[in-house]
C-alpha atoms as a PDB file:
ATOM      1  CA  MET A   1      33.938 -13.691   5.214  1.00  0.00           C
ATOM      2  CA  TRP A   2      31.934 -11.712   2.594  1.00  0.00           C
ATOM      3  CA  ARG A   3      33.307  -8.366   1.839  1.00  0.00           C
ATOM      4  CA  CYS A   4      31.911  -5.069   0.547  1.00  0.00           C
ATOM      5  CA  VAL A   5      34.197  -4.067  -1.701  1.00  0.00           C
ATOM      6  CA  ASN A   6      32.872  -2.674  -5.072  1.00  0.00           C
ATOM      7  CA  ILE A   7      28.981  -1.659  -3.631  1.00  0.00           C
ATOM      8  CA  SER A   8      29.109   1.434  -3.176  1.00  0.00           C
ATOM      9  CA  LYS A   9      28.864   4.515  -5.352  1.00  0.00           C
ATOM     10  CA  GLU A  10      28.744   7.728  -3.430  1.00  0.00           C
ATOM     11  CA  PHE A  11      31.107   5.930  -0.800  1.00  0.00           C
ATOM     12  CA  GLN A  12      34.463   4.755  -0.371  1.00  0.00           C
ATOM     13  CA  ILE A  13      34.446   1.427   1.897  1.00  0.00           C
ATOM     14  CA  ASN A  14      36.992  -1.236   2.894  1.00  0.00           C
ATOM     15  CA  GLU A  15      39.917  -1.331   0.238  1.00  0.00           C
ATOM     16  CA  GLN A  16      39.029   1.521  -1.882  1.00  0.00           C
ATOM     17  CA  ILE A  17      40.449   3.651   1.021  1.00  0.00           C
ATOM     18  CA  ARG A  18      43.729   4.674  -0.322  1.00  0.00           C
ATOM     19  CA  ASP A  19      44.902   7.579   2.354  1.00  0.00           C
ATOM     20  CA  ARG A  20      48.041   7.750   3.853  1.00  0.00           C
ATOM     21  CA  GLU A  21      46.141   8.535   7.325  1.00  0.00           C
ATOM     22  CA  LEU A  22      42.670   8.746   8.215  1.00  0.00           C
ATOM     23  CA  ARG A  23      40.354   9.456  11.706  1.00  0.00           C
ATOM     24  CA  VAL A  24      39.046   6.393  13.137  1.00  0.00           C
ATOM     25  CA  VAL A  25      35.341   6.810  14.843  1.00  0.00           C
ATOM     26  CA  ASP A  26      34.139   3.221  15.610  1.00  0.00           C
ATOM     27  CA  ALA A  27      30.359   2.160  15.798  1.00  0.00           C
ATOM     28  CA  ASP A  28      29.639   3.755  19.148  1.00  0.00           C
ATOM     29  CA  GLY A  29      30.430   7.394  17.913  1.00  0.00           C
ATOM     30  CA  ASN A  30      34.016   7.054  19.928  1.00  0.00           C
ATOM     31  CA  GLN A  31      37.128   8.616  18.213  1.00  0.00           C
ATOM     32  CA  LEU A  32      39.589   6.238  17.983  1.00  0.00           C
ATOM     33  CA  GLY A  33      41.959   8.732  16.474  1.00  0.00           C
ATOM     34  CA  VAL A  34      44.274   9.534  13.841  1.00  0.00           C
ATOM     35  CA  MET A  35      45.985   6.515  12.210  1.00  0.00           C
ATOM     36  CA  SER A  36      47.198   4.825   8.845  1.00  0.00           C
ATOM     37  CA  SER A  37      44.255   2.941   6.165  1.00  0.00           C
ATOM     38  CA  ARG A  38      45.894  -0.510   7.064  1.00  0.00           C
ATOM     39  CA  ASP A  39      45.682  -0.208  10.659  1.00  0.00           C
ATOM     40  CA  ALA A  40      41.923   0.704  10.448  1.00  0.00           C
ATOM     41  CA  GLN A  41      41.433  -1.842   8.189  1.00  0.00           C
ATOM     42  CA  LYS A  42      42.469  -4.480  10.437  1.00  0.00           C
ATOM     43  CA  LEU A  43      40.511  -2.664  13.416  1.00  0.00           C
ATOM     44  CA  ALA A  44      37.376  -2.818  11.184  1.00  0.00           C
ATOM     45  CA  ASP A  45      38.118  -6.779  10.082  1.00  0.00           C
ATOM     46  CA  GLU A  46      38.656  -7.776  13.824  1.00  0.00           C
ATOM     47  CA  LYS A  47      35.238  -6.034  14.459  1.00  0.00           C
ATOM     48  CA  GLU A  48      34.039  -7.984  11.081  1.00  0.00           C
ATOM     49  CA  MET A  49      32.493  -4.813  10.099  1.00  0.00           C
ATOM     50  CA  ASP A  50      33.145  -2.321   6.899  1.00  0.00           C
ATOM     51  CA  LEU A  51      35.338   0.947   6.982  1.00  0.00           C
ATOM     52  CA  VAL A  52      33.433   4.124   5.378  1.00  0.00           C
ATOM     53  CA  LYS A  53      34.840   7.139   4.161  1.00  0.00           C
ATOM     54  CA  ILE A  54      31.907   9.478   5.939  1.00  0.00           C
ATOM     55  CA  SER A  55      33.808  12.576   5.348  1.00  0.00           C
ATOM     56  CA  PRO A  56      36.698  12.448   2.461  1.00  0.00           C
ATOM     57  CA  ASN A  57      36.995  15.993   2.048  1.00  0.00           C
ATOM     58  CA  ALA A  58      38.281  16.693   6.009  1.00  0.00           C
ATOM     59  CA  ASN A  59      41.838  16.831   6.958  1.00  0.00           C
ATOM     60  CA  PRO A  60      42.444  13.826   7.666  1.00  0.00           C
ATOM     61  CA  PRO A  61      39.498  12.096   6.232  1.00  0.00           C
ATOM     62  CA  VAL A  62      36.937  10.821   8.080  1.00  0.00           C
ATOM     63  CA  CYS A  63      36.306   7.193   8.302  1.00  0.00           C
ATOM     64  CA  ARG A  64      34.265   5.046  10.279  1.00  0.00           C
ATOM     65  CA  ILE A  65      33.805   1.276  11.499  1.00  0.00           C
ATOM     66  CA  LEU A  66      30.292   0.019  10.771  1.00  0.00           C
ATOM     67  CA  ASP A  67      28.077  -2.530   9.052  1.00  0.00           C
ATOM     68  CA  TYR A  68      27.742  -1.102   5.683  1.00  0.00           C
ATOM     69  CA  GLY A  69      24.263  -2.958   4.645  1.00  0.00           C
ATOM     70  CA  LYS A  70      22.730  -1.344   7.982  1.00  0.00           C
ATOM     71  CA  PHE A  71      24.526   1.757   6.941  1.00  0.00           C
ATOM     72  CA  LYS A  72      22.682   1.819   3.620  1.00  0.00           C
ATOM     73  CA  TYR A  73      19.601   0.610   4.606  1.00  0.00           C
ATOM     74  CA  GLU A  74      19.222   3.488   7.954  1.00  0.00           C
ATOM     75  CA  GLN A  75      20.127   6.234   4.870  1.00  0.00           C
ATOM     76  CA  SER A  76      17.444   4.931   3.097  1.00  0.00           C
ATOM     77  CA  ARG A  77      14.486   4.882   5.547  1.00  0.00           C
ATOM     78  CA  LYS A  78      15.582   8.383   6.458  1.00  0.00           C
ATOM     79  CA  GLU A  79      15.637   9.769   2.318  1.00  0.00           C
ATOM     80  CA  LYS A  80      12.053   8.051   2.202  1.00  0.00           C
ATOM     81  CA  GLU A  81      10.745   9.715   5.291  1.00  0.00           C
ATOM     82  CA  ALA A  82      12.249  13.006   3.787  1.00  0.00           C
ATOM     83  CA  LYS A  83      10.100  12.417   0.641  1.00  0.00           C
ATOM     84  CA  LYS A  84       6.648  11.241   2.594  1.00  0.00           C
ATOM     85  CA  ASN A  85       7.044  14.693   4.300  1.00  0.00           C
ATOM     86  CA  GLN A  86       7.647  16.623   0.973  1.00  0.00           C
ATOM     87  CA  LYS A  87       4.649  18.543  -0.253  1.00  0.00           C
ATOM     88  CA  VAL A  88       4.218  18.550  -3.970  1.00  0.00           C
ATOM     89  CA  ILE A  89       3.420  22.480  -5.638  1.00  0.00           C
ATOM     90  CA  ASN A  90       1.380  22.327  -8.411  1.00  0.00           C
ATOM     91  CA  ILE A  91       0.616  25.340 -10.865  1.00  0.00           C
ATOM     92  CA  LYS A  92      -2.068  24.989 -12.971  1.00  0.00           C
ATOM     93  CA  GLU A  93      -2.124  27.822 -15.824  1.00  0.00           C
ATOM     94  CA  ILE A  94      -5.431  29.523 -17.256  1.00  0.00           C
ATOM     95  CA  ARG A  95      -5.180  31.016 -20.450  1.00  0.00           C
ATOM     96  CA  MET A  96      -7.113  33.752 -21.859  1.00  0.00           C
ATOM     97  CA  SER A  97      -7.780  36.321 -24.878  1.00  0.00           C
ATOM     98  CA  ALA A  98      -7.686  40.201 -24.255  1.00  0.00           C
ATOM     99  CA  ASN A  99     -11.271  40.522 -25.512  1.00  0.00           C
ATOM    100  CA  VAL A 100     -12.787  37.503 -23.880  1.00  0.00           C
ATOM    101  CA  GLN A 101     -16.584  37.032 -23.224  1.00  0.00           C
ATOM    102  CA  GLU A 102     -18.223  37.253 -20.167  1.00  0.00           C
ATOM    103  CA  HIS A 103     -19.377  33.497 -20.185  1.00  0.00           C
ATOM    104  CA  ASP A 104     -16.282  32.424 -21.324  1.00  0.00           C
ATOM    105  CA  LEU A 105     -14.589  34.178 -17.940  1.00  0.00           C
ATOM    106  CA  ASN A 106     -16.817  32.581 -15.958  1.00  0.00           C
ATOM    107  CA  VAL A 107     -16.156  28.933 -16.892  1.00  0.00           C
ATOM    108  CA  LYS A 108     -12.232  30.154 -17.018  1.00  0.00           C
ATOM    109  CA  ALA A 109     -13.091  31.189 -13.007  1.00  0.00           C
ATOM    110  CA  LYS A 110     -14.895  27.904 -12.464  1.00  0.00           C
ATOM    111  CA  ASN A 111     -12.228  26.202 -13.344  1.00  0.00           C
ATOM    112  CA  ALA A 112      -9.485  27.792 -11.579  1.00  0.00           C
ATOM    113  CA  HIS A 113     -11.773  27.816  -8.563  1.00  0.00           C
ATOM    114  CA  LYS A 114     -12.079  23.847  -9.103  1.00  0.00           C
ATOM    115  CA  PHE A 115      -8.049  24.212  -8.931  1.00  0.00           C
ATOM    116  CA  LEU A 116      -7.635  26.419  -5.970  1.00  0.00           C
ATOM    117  CA  GLU A 117      -9.738  24.112  -4.107  1.00  0.00           C
ATOM    118  CA  ASN A 118      -7.269  21.209  -4.803  1.00  0.00           C
ATOM    119  CA  GLY A 119      -4.520  23.048  -2.979  1.00  0.00           C
ATOM    120  CA  ASP A 120      -3.113  23.869  -6.651  1.00  0.00           C
ATOM    121  CA  ARG A 121      -1.770  27.404  -7.194  1.00  0.00           C
ATOM    122  CA  VAL A 122      -3.037  29.151 -10.491  1.00  0.00           C
ATOM    123  CA  LYS A 123      -1.504  31.500 -13.155  1.00  0.00           C
ATOM    124  CA  ALA A 124      -3.847  33.217 -15.481  1.00  0.00           C
ATOM    125  CA  SER A 125      -2.615  34.574 -17.945  1.00  0.00           C
ATOM    126  CA  VAL A 126      -3.898  37.138 -20.897  1.00  0.00           C
ATOM    127  CA  ARG A 127      -2.149  36.520 -24.267  1.00  0.00           C
ATOM    128  CA  PHE A 128      -2.174  39.924 -26.805  1.00  0.00           C
ATOM    129  CA  ARG A 129      -1.681  39.838 -30.005  1.00  0.00           C
ATOM    130  CA  GLY A 130      -1.590  42.725 -32.650  1.00  0.00           C
ATOM    131  CA  ARG A 131      -2.419  45.957 -31.642  1.00  0.00           C
ATOM    132  CA  GLU A 132      -3.755  44.413 -28.883  1.00  0.00           C
ATOM    133  CA  MET A 133      -0.071  45.172 -27.201  1.00  0.00           C
ATOM    134  CA  ALA A 134      -1.793  48.868 -27.090  1.00  0.00           C
ATOM    135  CA  TYR A 135      -4.198  48.197 -24.924  1.00  0.00           C
ATOM    136  CA  THR A 136      -2.437  46.064 -22.084  1.00  0.00           C
ATOM    137  CA  ASP A 137      -4.399  47.782 -19.696  1.00  0.00           C
ATOM    138  CA  GLY A 138      -7.593  46.277 -20.491  1.00  0.00           C
ATOM    139  CA  GLY A 139      -5.682  42.810 -19.788  1.00  0.00           C
ATOM    140  CA  LYS A 140      -4.952  43.850 -16.562  1.00  0.00           C
ATOM    141  CA  VAL A 141      -8.788  45.125 -15.716  1.00  0.00           C
ATOM    142  CA  LEU A 142      -9.563  41.284 -16.598  1.00  0.00           C
ATOM    143  CA  LEU A 143      -7.302  39.683 -14.571  1.00  0.00           C
ATOM    144  CA  LEU A 144      -8.235  41.671 -11.517  1.00  0.00           C
ATOM    145  CA  LYS A 145     -11.722  41.129 -12.524  1.00  0.00           C
ATOM    146  CA  PHE A 146     -10.774  37.191 -12.760  1.00  0.00           C
ATOM    147  CA  ALA A 147      -9.221  37.466  -9.213  1.00  0.00           C
ATOM    148  CA  GLU A 148     -12.562  38.946  -7.968  1.00  0.00           C
ATOM    149  CA  LYS A 149     -14.359  36.052  -9.379  1.00  0.00           C
ATOM    150  CA  VAL A 150     -12.612  33.603  -7.271  1.00  0.00           C
ATOM    151  CA  SER A 151     -11.500  35.291  -4.005  1.00  0.00           C
ATOM    152  CA  GLU A 152     -13.502  32.944  -2.018  1.00  0.00           C
ATOM    153  CA  VAL A 153     -10.810  30.026  -2.304  1.00  0.00           C
ATOM    154  CA  GLY A 154      -7.207  32.213  -3.861  1.00  0.00           C
ATOM    155  CA  LYS A 155      -5.901  35.373  -3.310  1.00  0.00           C
ATOM    156  CA  ILE A 156      -3.277  37.062  -5.213  1.00  0.00           C
ATOM    157  CA  GLU A 157       0.321  35.824  -4.629  1.00  0.00           C
ATOM    158  CA  LYS A 158       1.590  38.096  -7.467  1.00  0.00           C
ATOM    159  CA  PRO A 159      -0.113  41.060  -9.139  1.00  0.00           C
ATOM    160  CA  PRO A 160      -0.816  40.943 -12.647  1.00  0.00           C
ATOM    161  CA  LYS A 161       2.479  41.930 -14.633  1.00  0.00           C
ATOM    162  CA  LEU A 162       3.918  42.041 -18.214  1.00  0.00           C
ATOM    163  CA  GLU A 163       5.915  39.147 -19.372  1.00  0.00           C
ATOM    164  CA  GLY A 164       6.608  40.056 -23.370  1.00  0.00           C
ATOM    165  CA  ARG A 165       3.024  39.477 -25.458  1.00  0.00           C
ATOM    166  CA  SER A 166       1.261  38.161 -21.964  1.00  0.00           C
ATOM    167  CA  MET A 167       0.290  39.621 -18.455  1.00  0.00           C
ATOM    168  CA  VAL A 168       0.409  37.146 -15.843  1.00  0.00           C
ATOM    169  CA  LEU A 169      -1.328  36.721 -11.903  1.00  0.00           C
ATOM    170  CA  HIS A 170      -0.565  34.317  -9.990  1.00  0.00           C
ATOM    171  CA  LEU A 171      -3.097  33.059  -7.345  1.00  0.00           C
ATOM    172  CA  VAL A 172      -2.622  30.718  -4.232  1.00  0.00           C
ATOM    173  CA  PRO A 173      -5.201  28.844  -2.659  1.00  0.00           C
ATOM    174  CA  LYS A 174      -6.458  30.780   0.681  1.00  0.00           C
ATOM    175  CA  LYS A 175      -5.964  28.031   3.401  1.00  0.00           C
ATOM    176  CA  GLU A 176      -2.622  27.646   1.652  1.00  0.00           C
ATOM    177  CA  SER A 177      -0.573  30.823   3.137  1.00  0.00           C
END
């Protein structure tokens, strides 16, 4: 009879289990009680199944008698299903300088409009260089003007905030929230 001995990296199975006492549960979920690992292994052998340590931190550790291959398959199916239902959030960044011209601002707003329509979040930032740091209030006005230009598809998640030498504004699509 073929045995799963050194297959698992995250679970201890069959002869890898060296605990003195184990709480054993059968394949149907019925508790078989506390017994030695040798007795539990004999029981698993009789049923032609594997002994898998499910909860190693419990006192005594919990082991289950089951078909390990089937168990791994079901676990991978659950992980795939969870991954499928996961939503990936992309953040696109748009950078501007403090003295950007109207046409350049419109181009940046048009790009942000596309990003927001695709469901991405947008991080708009204004960089201040040299003496521009003395006029950060102009950057705040610029970012609010930018947010107003894309207000039909996005709304402000975080208002303009100064972070080091740049001021940042976060926008989210309207349909998202």
